[in-house]
C-alpha cells in the first residue's frame, strides 16, 4: 500500500526544484524543512534549520536551497544533492 502525504496547514511555504521533482516545505513549528518527492508523494528527508523558517528560495542551479529563518534572523543553506544543511549565515550585527 502506498503512503499518501496529507498537508494541513494555515500557512505553508514551498519551494520547488528546477526540475519540479522535489518540494521543500518549511515546518516552522519544529524548525525544519521537509523534502518531498513530488512524483511519489513521500517525505525523503527532514532537515533541521534555524528558528522558524519562513521563506524558501531554490538557487538557480538547483543545488542549494536558501531559507530565511524568522526568529533568529539567519539564513540556512541546504545542499539538495545530499539533502543536508550545508551552512548557516548568522544575523548581521
PDB file of N, CA and C in Angstrom:
ATOM      1  N   UNK A   1       0.839  -1.167   0.000  1.00  0.00           N
ATOM      2  CA  UNK A   1       0.000   0.000   0.000  1.00  0.00           C
ATOM      3  C   UNK A   1       0.889   1.237   0.000  1.00  0.00           C
ATOM      4  N   UNK A   2       0.611   2.170  -0.855  1.00  0.00           N
ATOM      5  CA  UNK A   2       1.393   3.394  -0.971  1.00  0.00           C
ATOM      6  C   UNK A   2       0.924   4.419   0.056  1.00  0.00           C
ATOM      7  N   UNK A   3       1.887   5.036   0.748  1.00  0.00           N
ATOM      8  CA  UNK A   3       1.535   6.067   1.721  1.00  0.00           C
ATOM      9  C   UNK A   3       1.272   7.374   0.996  1.00  0.00           C
ATOM     10  N   UNK A   4       0.239   8.037   1.397  1.00  0.00           N
ATOM     11  CA  UNK A   4      -0.089   9.356   0.871  1.00  0.00           C
ATOM     12  C   UNK A   4       0.296  10.391   1.916  1.00  0.00           C
ATOM     13  N   UNK A   5       0.717  11.551   1.450  1.00  0.00           N
ATOM     14  CA  UNK A   5       1.037  12.646   2.358  1.00  0.00           C
ATOM     15  C   UNK A   5      -0.122  13.617   2.341  1.00  0.00           C
ATOM     16  N   UNK A   6      -0.577  13.981   3.521  1.00  0.00           N
ATOM     17  CA  UNK A   6      -1.658  14.938   3.652  1.00  0.00           C
ATOM     18  C   UNK A   6      -1.120  16.169   4.352  1.00  0.00           C
ATOM     19  N   UNK A   7      -1.254  17.317   3.721  1.00  0.00           N
ATOM     20  CA  UNK A   7      -0.788  18.562   4.303  1.00  0.00           C
ATOM     21  C   UNK A   7      -1.979  19.363   4.778  1.00  0.00           C
ATOM     22  N   UNK A   8      -1.986  19.656   6.056  1.00  0.00           N
ATOM     23  CA  UNK A   8      -2.997  20.523   6.621  1.00  0.00           C
ATOM     24  C   UNK A   8      -2.237  21.639   7.313  1.00  0.00           C
ATOM     25  N   UNK A   9      -2.385  22.844   6.802  1.00  0.00           N
ATOM     26  CA  UNK A   9      -1.655  23.965   7.375  1.00  0.00           C
ATOM     27  C   UNK A   9      -2.393  25.253   7.092  1.00  0.00           C
ATOM     28  N   UNK A  10      -2.205  26.188   7.990  1.00  0.00           N
ATOM     29  CA  UNK A  10      -2.776  27.504   7.741  1.00  0.00           C
ATOM     30  C   UNK A  10      -1.855  28.302   6.823  1.00  0.00           C
ATOM     31  N   UNK A  11      -0.560  27.989   6.862  1.00  0.00           N
ATOM     32  CA  UNK A  11       0.403  28.668   6.012  1.00  0.00           C
ATOM     33  C   UNK A  11       1.515  27.685   5.684  1.00  0.00           C
ATOM     34  N   UNK A  12       1.730  27.420   4.425  1.00  0.00           N
ATOM     35  CA  UNK A  12       2.817  26.543   4.005  1.00  0.00           C
ATOM     36  C   UNK A  12       3.695  27.310   3.032  1.00  0.00           C
ATOM     37  N   UNK A  13       4.990  27.297   3.288  1.00  0.00           N
ATOM     38  CA  UNK A  13       5.935  27.940   2.393  1.00  0.00           C
ATOM     39  C   UNK A  13       6.628  26.825   1.621  1.00  0.00           C
ATOM     40  N   UNK A  14       6.522  26.848   0.299  1.00  0.00           N
ATOM     41  CA  UNK A  14       7.008  25.756  -0.530  1.00  0.00           C
ATOM     42  C   UNK A  14       7.960  26.288  -1.591  1.00  0.00           C
ATOM     43  N   UNK A  15       9.071  25.570  -1.782  1.00  0.00           N
ATOM     44  CA  UNK A  15       9.975  25.839  -2.892  1.00  0.00           C
ATOM     45  C   UNK A  15      10.070  24.584  -3.734  1.00  0.00           C
ATOM     46  N   UNK A  16      10.093  24.729  -5.042  1.00  0.00           N
ATOM     47  CA  UNK A  16      10.207  23.577  -5.939  1.00  0.00           C
ATOM     48  C   UNK A  16      11.566  23.580  -6.611  1.00  0.00           C
ATOM     49  N   UNK A  17      12.132  22.386  -6.778  1.00  0.00           N
ATOM     50  CA  UNK A  17      13.393  22.262  -7.500  1.00  0.00           C
ATOM     51  C   UNK A  17      13.189  22.689  -8.948  1.00  0.00           C
ATOM     52  N   UNK A  18      14.296  22.983  -9.622  1.00  0.00           N
ATOM     53  CA  UNK A  18      14.228  23.445 -11.016  1.00  0.00           C
ATOM     54  C   UNK A  18      13.484  22.447 -11.895  1.00  0.00           C
ATOM     55  N   UNK A  19      13.682  21.164 -11.651  1.00  0.00           N
ATOM     56  CA  UNK A  19      13.018  20.131 -12.450  1.00  0.00           C
ATOM     57  C   UNK A  19      11.586  19.871 -11.986  1.00  0.00           C
ATOM     58  N   UNK A  20      11.216  20.431 -10.839  1.00  0.00           N
ATOM     59  CA  UNK A  20       9.864  20.244 -10.324  1.00  0.00           C
ATOM     60  C   UNK A  20       9.625  18.877  -9.723  1.00  0.00           C
ATOM     61  N   UNK A  21      10.691  18.127  -9.449  1.00  0.00           N
ATOM     62  CA  UNK A  21      10.550  16.772  -8.905  1.00  0.00           C
ATOM     63  C   UNK A  21      10.606  16.740  -7.389  1.00  0.00           C
ATOM     64  N   UNK A  22      11.123  17.821  -6.779  1.00  0.00           N
ATOM     65  CA  UNK A  22      11.300  17.871  -5.336  1.00  0.00           C
ATOM     66  C   UNK A  22      10.713  19.160  -4.799  1.00  0.00           C
ATOM     67  N   UNK A  23      10.002  19.055  -3.672  1.00  0.00           N
ATOM     68  CA  UNK A  23       9.465  20.238  -2.999  1.00  0.00           C
ATOM     69  C   UNK A  23      10.128  20.358  -1.640  1.00  0.00           C
ATOM     70  N   UNK A  24      10.358  21.589  -1.217  1.00  0.00           N
ATOM     71  CA  UNK A  24      10.955  21.894   0.079  1.00  0.00           C
ATOM     72  C   UNK A  24       9.919  22.680   0.865  1.00  0.00           C
ATOM     73  N   UNK A  25       9.427  22.085   1.953  1.00  0.00           N
ATOM     74  CA  UNK A  25       8.318  22.664   2.701  1.00  0.00           C
ATOM     75  C   UNK A  25       8.778  22.991   4.113  1.00  0.00           C
ATOM     76  N   UNK A  26       8.584  24.256   4.497  1.00  0.00           N
ATOM     77  CA  UNK A  26       9.006  24.685   5.826  1.00  0.00           C
ATOM     78  C   UNK A  26       8.081  24.128   6.898  1.00  0.00           C
ATOM     79  N   UNK A  27       8.698  23.752   8.016  1.00  0.00           N
ATOM     80  CA  UNK A  27       7.975  23.308   9.210  1.00  0.00           C
ATOM     81  C   UNK A  27       8.363  24.271  10.328  1.00  0.00           C
ATOM     82  N   UNK A  28       7.709  25.433  10.376  1.00  0.00           N
ATOM     83  CA  UNK A  28       8.143  26.443  11.337  1.00  0.00           C
ATOM     84  C   UNK A  28       7.913  26.026  12.783  1.00  0.00           C
ATOM     85  N   UNK A  29       6.997  25.133  13.044  1.00  0.00           N
ATOM     86  CA  UNK A  29       6.738  24.718  14.422  1.00  0.00           C
ATOM     87  C   UNK A  29       7.854  23.842  14.992  1.00  0.00           C
ATOM     88  N   UNK A  30       8.631  23.171  14.133  1.00  0.00           N
ATOM     89  CA  UNK A  30       9.729  22.351  14.655  1.00  0.00           C
ATOM     90  C   UNK A  30      11.077  22.684  14.010  1.00  0.00           C
ATOM     91  N   UNK A  31      11.175  23.872  13.389  1.00  0.00           N
ATOM     92  CA  UNK A  31      12.444  24.386  12.858  1.00  0.00           C
ATOM     93  C   UNK A  31      13.121  23.407  11.902  1.00  0.00           C
ATOM     94  N   UNK A  32      12.376  22.973  10.913  1.00  0.00           N
ATOM     95  CA  UNK A  32      12.923  22.036   9.936  1.00  0.00           C
ATOM     96  C   UNK A  32      12.295  22.280   8.569  1.00  0.00           C
ATOM     97  N   UNK A  33      12.836  21.580   7.579  1.00  0.00           N
ATOM     98  CA  UNK A  33      12.294  21.606   6.223  1.00  0.00           C
ATOM     99  C   UNK A  33      12.095  20.161   5.787  1.00  0.00           C
ATOM    100  N   UNK A  34      10.926  19.855   5.253  1.00  0.00           N
ATOM    101  CA  UNK A  34      10.674  18.524   4.711  1.00  0.00           C
ATOM    102  C   UNK A  34      10.969  18.542   3.218  1.00  0.00           C
ATOM    103  N   UNK A  35      11.685  17.525   2.768  1.00  0.00           N
ATOM    104  CA  UNK A  35      11.993  17.369   1.343  1.00  0.00           C
ATOM    105  C   UNK A  35      11.033  16.302   0.817  1.00  0.00           C
ATOM    106  N   UNK A  36      10.241  16.688  -0.180  1.00  0.00           N
ATOM    107  CA  UNK A  36       9.182  15.820  -0.691  1.00  0.00           C
ATOM    108  C   UNK A  36       9.498  15.380  -2.110  1.00  0.00           C
ATOM    109  N   UNK A  37       9.417  14.076  -2.358  1.00  0.00           N
ATOM    110  CA  UNK A  37       9.471  13.528  -3.718  1.00  0.00           C
ATOM    111  C   UNK A  37       8.066  13.712  -4.283  1.00  0.00           C
ATOM    112  N   UNK A  38       7.912  14.684  -5.177  1.00  0.00           N
ATOM    113  CA  UNK A  38       6.596  15.070  -5.682  1.00  0.00           C
ATOM    114  C   UNK A  38       5.935  13.937  -6.466  1.00  0.00           C
ATOM    115  N   UNK A  39       6.691  13.212  -7.261  1.00  0.00           N
ATOM    116  CA  UNK A  39       6.118  12.146  -8.085  1.00  0.00           C
ATOM    117  C   UNK A  39       5.523  11.022  -7.244  1.00  0.00           C
ATOM    118  N   UNK A  40       6.163  10.720  -6.099  1.00  0.00           N
ATOM    119  CA  UNK A  40       5.713   9.599  -5.271  1.00  0.00           C
ATOM    120  C   UNK A  40       4.987  10.023  -4.001  1.00  0.00           C
ATOM    121  N   UNK A  41       4.871  11.343  -3.756  1.00  0.00           N
ATOM    122  CA  UNK A  41       4.198  11.854  -2.555  1.00  0.00           C
ATOM    123  C   UNK A  41       4.771  11.288  -1.266  1.00  0.00           C
ATOM    124  N   UNK A  42       6.113  11.295  -1.147  1.00  0.00           N
ATOM    125  CA  UNK A  42       6.735  10.805   0.083  1.00  0.00           C
ATOM    126  C   UNK A  42       7.776  11.806   0.578  1.00  0.00           C
ATOM    127  N   UNK A  43       7.938  11.839   1.902  1.00  0.00           N
ATOM    128  CA  UNK A  43       8.984  12.644   2.514  1.00  0.00           C
ATOM    129  C   UNK A  43      10.283  11.857   2.398  1.00  0.00           C
ATOM    130  N   UNK A  44      11.291  12.448   1.751  1.00  0.00           N
ATOM    131  CA  UNK A  44      12.559  11.738   1.597  1.00  0.00           C
ATOM    132  C   UNK A  44      13.614  12.230   2.587  1.00  0.00           C
ATOM    133  N   UNK A  45      13.364  13.379   3.219  1.00  0.00           N
ATOM    134  CA  UNK A  45      14.287  13.879   4.243  1.00  0.00           C
ATOM    135  C   UNK A  45      13.590  14.969   5.043  1.00  0.00           C
ATOM    136  N   UNK A  46      13.996  15.103   6.289  1.00  0.00           N
ATOM    137  CA  UNK A  46      13.599  16.228   7.129  1.00  0.00           C
ATOM    138  C   UNK A  46      14.890  16.812   7.673  1.00  0.00           C
ATOM    139  N   UNK A  47      15.115  18.091   7.390  1.00  0.00           N
ATOM    140  CA  UNK A  47      16.393  18.734   7.677  1.00  0.00           C
ATOM    141  C   UNK A  47      16.205  19.816   8.728  1.00  0.00           C
ATOM    142  N   UNK A  48      16.954  19.750   9.845  1.00  0.00           N
ATOM    143  CA  UNK A  48      16.865  20.821  10.842  1.00  0.00           C
ATOM    144  C   UNK A  48      17.494  22.104  10.298  1.00  0.00           C
ATOM    145  N   UNK A  49      16.833  23.232  10.557  1.00  0.00           N
ATOM    146  CA  UNK A  49      17.328  24.537  10.101  1.00  0.00           C
ATOM    147  C   UNK A  49      17.227  25.525  11.267  1.00  0.00           C
ATOM    148  N   UNK A  50      17.282  26.815  10.976  1.00  0.00           N
ATOM    149  CA  UNK A  50      17.204  27.838  12.014  1.00  0.00           C
ATOM    150  C   UNK A  50      15.798  27.958  12.592  1.00  0.00           C
ATOM    151  N   UNK A  51      15.637  28.953  13.447  1.00  0.00           N
ATOM    152  CA  UNK A  51      14.401  29.135  14.194  1.00  0.00           C
ATOM    153  C   UNK A  51      13.290  29.757  13.341  1.00  0.00           C
ATOM    154  N   UNK A  52      12.236  29.007  13.141  1.00  0.00           N
ATOM    155  CA  UNK A  52      11.029  29.413  12.414  1.00  0.00           C
ATOM    156  C   UNK A  52      11.309  29.760  10.951  1.00  0.00           C
ATOM    157  N   UNK A  53      11.653  28.755  10.125  1.00  0.00           N
ATOM    158  CA  UNK A  53      11.881  29.032   8.702  1.00  0.00           C
ATOM    159  C   UNK A  53      10.630  29.632   8.074  1.00  0.00           C
ATOM    160  N   UNK A  54      10.838  30.748   7.366  1.00  0.00           N
ATOM    161  CA  UNK A  54       9.681  31.494   6.880  1.00  0.00           C
ATOM    162  C   UNK A  54       9.633  31.650   5.362  1.00  0.00           C
ATOM    163  N   UNK A  55      10.742  31.574   4.675  1.00  0.00           N
ATOM    164  CA  UNK A  55      10.782  31.742   3.220  1.00  0.00           C
ATOM    165  C   UNK A  55      11.752  30.740   2.615  1.00  0.00           C
ATOM    166  N   UNK A  56      11.451  30.295   1.395  1.00  0.00           N
ATOM    167  CA  UNK A  56      12.279  29.317   0.692  1.00  0.00           C
ATOM    168  C   UNK A  56      12.624  29.855  -0.691  1.00  0.00           C
ATOM    169  N   UNK A  57      13.883  29.683  -1.078  1.00  0.00           N
ATOM    170  CA  UNK A  57      14.298  30.042  -2.434  1.00  0.00           C
ATOM    171  C   UNK A  57      15.280  28.992  -2.935  1.00  0.00           C
ATOM    172  N   UNK A  58      14.997  28.433  -4.101  1.00  0.00           N
ATOM    173  CA  UNK A  58      15.887  27.445  -4.707  1.00  0.00           C
ATOM    174  C   UNK A  58      16.889  28.195  -5.577  1.00  0.00           C
ATOM    175  N   UNK A  59      18.187  27.877  -5.403  1.00  0.00           N
ATOM    176  CA  UNK A  59      19.233  28.523  -6.190  1.00  0.00           C
ATOM    177  C   UNK A  59      19.072  28.249  -7.676  1.00  0.00           C
ATOM    178  N   UNK A  60      19.668  29.097  -8.526  1.00  0.00           N
ATOM    179  CA  UNK A  60      19.481  28.971  -9.976  1.00  0.00           C
ATOM    180  C   UNK A  60      19.955  27.639 -10.563  1.00  0.00           C
ATOM    181  N   UNK A  61      20.986  27.028  -9.959  1.00  0.00           N
ATOM    182  CA  UNK A  61      21.468  25.744 -10.481  1.00  0.00           C
ATOM    183  C   UNK A  61      20.757  24.553  -9.835  1.00  0.00           C
ATOM    184  N   UNK A  62      19.894  24.831  -8.849  1.00  0.00           N
ATOM    185  CA  UNK A  62      19.132  23.772  -8.191  1.00  0.00           C
ATOM    186  C   UNK A  62      19.900  22.988  -7.150  1.00  0.00           C
ATOM    187  N   UNK A  63      21.172  23.313  -6.913  1.00  0.00           N
ATOM    188  CA  UNK A  63      21.991  22.565  -5.955  1.00  0.00           C
ATOM    189  C   UNK A  63      21.873  23.072  -4.527  1.00  0.00           C
ATOM    190  N   UNK A  64      21.271  24.243  -4.333  1.00  0.00           N
ATOM    191  CA  UNK A  64      21.127  24.803  -2.995  1.00  0.00           C
ATOM    192  C   UNK A  64      19.743  25.387  -2.812  1.00  0.00           C
ATOM    193  N   UNK A  65      19.280  25.304  -1.568  1.00  0.00           N
ATOM    194  CA  UNK A  65      18.033  25.941  -1.169  1.00  0.00           C
ATOM    195  C   UNK A  65      18.378  26.883  -0.021  1.00  0.00           C
ATOM    196  N   UNK A  66      17.834  28.085  -0.086  1.00  0.00           N
ATOM    197  CA  UNK A  66      18.085  29.102   0.933  1.00  0.00           C
ATOM    198  C   UNK A  66      16.798  29.338   1.713  1.00  0.00           C
ATOM    199  N   UNK A  67      16.927  29.359   3.044  1.00  0.00           N
ATOM    200  CA  UNK A  67      15.757  29.549   3.899  1.00  0.00           C
ATOM    201  C   UNK A  67      15.981  30.730   4.821  1.00  0.00           C
ATOM    202  N   UNK A  68      15.053  31.656   4.841  1.00  0.00           N
ATOM    203  CA  UNK A  68      15.103  32.761   5.786  1.00  0.00           C
ATOM    204  C   UNK A  68      14.435  32.298   7.076  1.00  0.00           C
ATOM    205  N   UNK A  69      15.181  32.373   8.175  1.00  0.00           N
ATOM    206  CA  UNK A  69      14.673  31.950   9.482  1.00  0.00           C
ATOM    207  C   UNK A  69      14.221  33.186  10.256  1.00  0.00           C
ATOM    208  N   UNK A  70      12.945  33.234  10.563  1.00  0.00           N
ATOM    209  CA  UNK A  70      12.317  34.438  11.104  1.00  0.00           C
ATOM    210  C   UNK A  70      12.828  34.824  12.487  1.00  0.00           C
ATOM    211  N   UNK A  71      12.798  33.896  13.457  1.00  0.00           N
ATOM    212  CA  UNK A  71      13.089  34.266  14.845  1.00  0.00           C
ATOM    213  C   UNK A  71      14.553  34.584  15.110  1.00  0.00           C
ATOM    214  N   UNK A  72      15.476  33.916  14.458  1.00  0.00           N
ATOM    215  CA  UNK A  72      16.889  34.222  14.719  1.00  0.00           C
ATOM    216  C   UNK A  72      17.536  35.033  13.598  1.00  0.00           C
ATOM    217  N   UNK A  73      16.731  35.490  12.641  1.00  0.00           N
ATOM    218  CA  UNK A  73      17.193  36.359  11.545  1.00  0.00           C
ATOM    219  C   UNK A  73      18.427  35.794  10.830  1.00  0.00           C
ATOM    220  N   UNK A  74      18.437  34.501  10.616  1.00  0.00           N
ATOM    221  CA  UNK A  74      19.553  33.839   9.928  1.00  0.00           C
ATOM    222  C   UNK A  74      19.069  33.276   8.592  1.00  0.00           C
ATOM    223  N   UNK A  75      20.021  32.772   7.811  1.00  0.00           N
ATOM    224  CA  UNK A  75      19.704  32.093   6.554  1.00  0.00           C
ATOM    225  C   UNK A  75      20.342  30.719   6.584  1.00  0.00           C
ATOM    226  N   UNK A  76      19.543  29.691   6.423  1.00  0.00           N
ATOM    227  CA  UNK A  76      20.054  28.321   6.336  1.00  0.00           C
ATOM    228  C   UNK A  76      20.235  27.968   4.868  1.00  0.00           C
ATOM    229  N   UNK A  77      21.318  27.261   4.571  1.00  0.00           N
ATOM    230  CA  UNK A  77      21.581  26.820   3.202  1.00  0.00           C
ATOM    231  C   UNK A  77      21.567  25.299   3.185  1.00  0.00           C
ATOM    232  N   UNK A  78      20.758  24.741   2.299  1.00  0.00           N
ATOM    233  CA  UNK A  78      20.625  23.281   2.186  1.00  0.00           C
ATOM    234  C   UNK A  78      21.266  22.814   0.886  1.00  0.00           C
ATOM    235  N   UNK A  79      22.047  21.755   0.980  1.00  0.00           N
ATOM    236  CA  UNK A  79      22.624  21.088  -0.185  1.00  0.00           C
ATOM    237  C   UNK A  79      21.569  20.113  -0.690  1.00  0.00           C
ATOM    238  N   UNK A  80      21.077  20.321  -1.919  1.00  0.00           N
ATOM    239  CA  UNK A  80      19.997  19.477  -2.437  1.00  0.00           C
ATOM    240  C   UNK A  80      20.477  18.118  -2.940  1.00  0.00           C
ATOM    241  N   UNK A  81      21.782  17.966  -3.136  1.00  0.00           N
ATOM    242  CA  UNK A  81      22.317  16.674  -3.560  1.00  0.00           C
ATOM    243  C   UNK A  81      22.307  15.700  -2.388  1.00  0.00           C
ATOM    244  N   UNK A  82      22.758  16.176  -1.205  1.00  0.00           N
ATOM    245  CA  UNK A  82      22.821  15.317  -0.023  1.00  0.00           C
ATOM    246  C   UNK A  82      21.615  15.496   0.900  1.00  0.00           C
ATOM    247  N   UNK A  83      20.736  16.470   0.579  1.00  0.00           N
ATOM    248  CA  UNK A  83      19.600  16.799   1.445  1.00  0.00           C
ATOM    249  C   UNK A  83      20.040  17.007   2.889  1.00  0.00           C
ATOM    250  N   UNK A  84      21.015  17.898   3.055  1.00  0.00           N
ATOM    251  CA  UNK A  84      21.513  18.223   4.382  1.00  0.00           C
ATOM    252  C   UNK A  84      21.819  19.715   4.455  1.00  0.00           C
ATOM    253  N   UNK A  85      21.832  20.233   5.691  1.00  0.00           N
ATOM    254  CA  UNK A  85      22.163  21.640   5.872  1.00  0.00           C
ATOM    255  C   UNK A  85      23.659  21.798   5.667  1.00  0.00           C
ATOM    256  N   UNK A  86      24.058  22.685   4.748  1.00  0.00           N
ATOM    257  CA  UNK A  86      25.470  22.859   4.446  1.00  0.00           C
ATOM    258  C   UNK A  86      26.079  24.059   5.152  1.00  0.00           C
ATOM    259  N   UNK A  87      25.234  25.039   5.521  1.00  0.00           N
ATOM    260  CA  UNK A  87      25.767  26.228   6.148  1.00  0.00           C
ATOM    261  C   UNK A  87      24.625  27.034   6.743  1.00  0.00           C
ATOM    262  N   UNK A  88      24.978  27.953   7.635  1.00  0.00           N
ATOM    263  CA  UNK A  88      24.010  28.911   8.155  1.00  0.00           C
ATOM    264  C   UNK A  88      24.682  30.271   8.189  1.00  0.00           C
ATOM    265  N   UNK A  89      24.004  31.274   7.705  1.00  0.00           N
ATOM    266  CA  UNK A  89      24.517  32.638   7.725  1.00  0.00           C
ATOM    267  C   UNK A  89      23.833  33.322   8.908  1.00  0.00           C
ATOM    268  N   UNK A  90      24.616  33.698   9.929  1.00  0.00           N
ATOM    269  CA  UNK A  90      24.007  34.296  11.111  1.00  0.00           C
ATOM    270  C   UNK A  90      23.509  35.720  10.866  1.00  0.00           C
ATOM    271  N   UNK A  91      22.744  36.198  11.800  1.00  0.00           N
ATOM    272  CA  UNK A  91      22.233  37.570  11.742  1.00  0.00           C
ATOM    273  C   UNK A  91      23.394  38.548  11.724  1.00  0.00           C
ATOM    274  N   UNK A  92      23.300  39.543  10.866  1.00  0.00           N
ATOM    275  CA  UNK A  92      24.315  40.599  10.833  1.00  0.00           C
ATOM    276  C   UNK A  92      24.091  41.527  12.028  1.00  0.00           C
ATOM    277  N   UNK A  93      25.182  41.947  12.613  1.00  0.00           N
ATOM    278  CA  UNK A  93      25.062  42.833  13.793  1.00  0.00           C
ATOM    279  C   UNK A  93      25.170  44.260  13.427  1.00  0.00           C
TER     280      UNK A  93
END
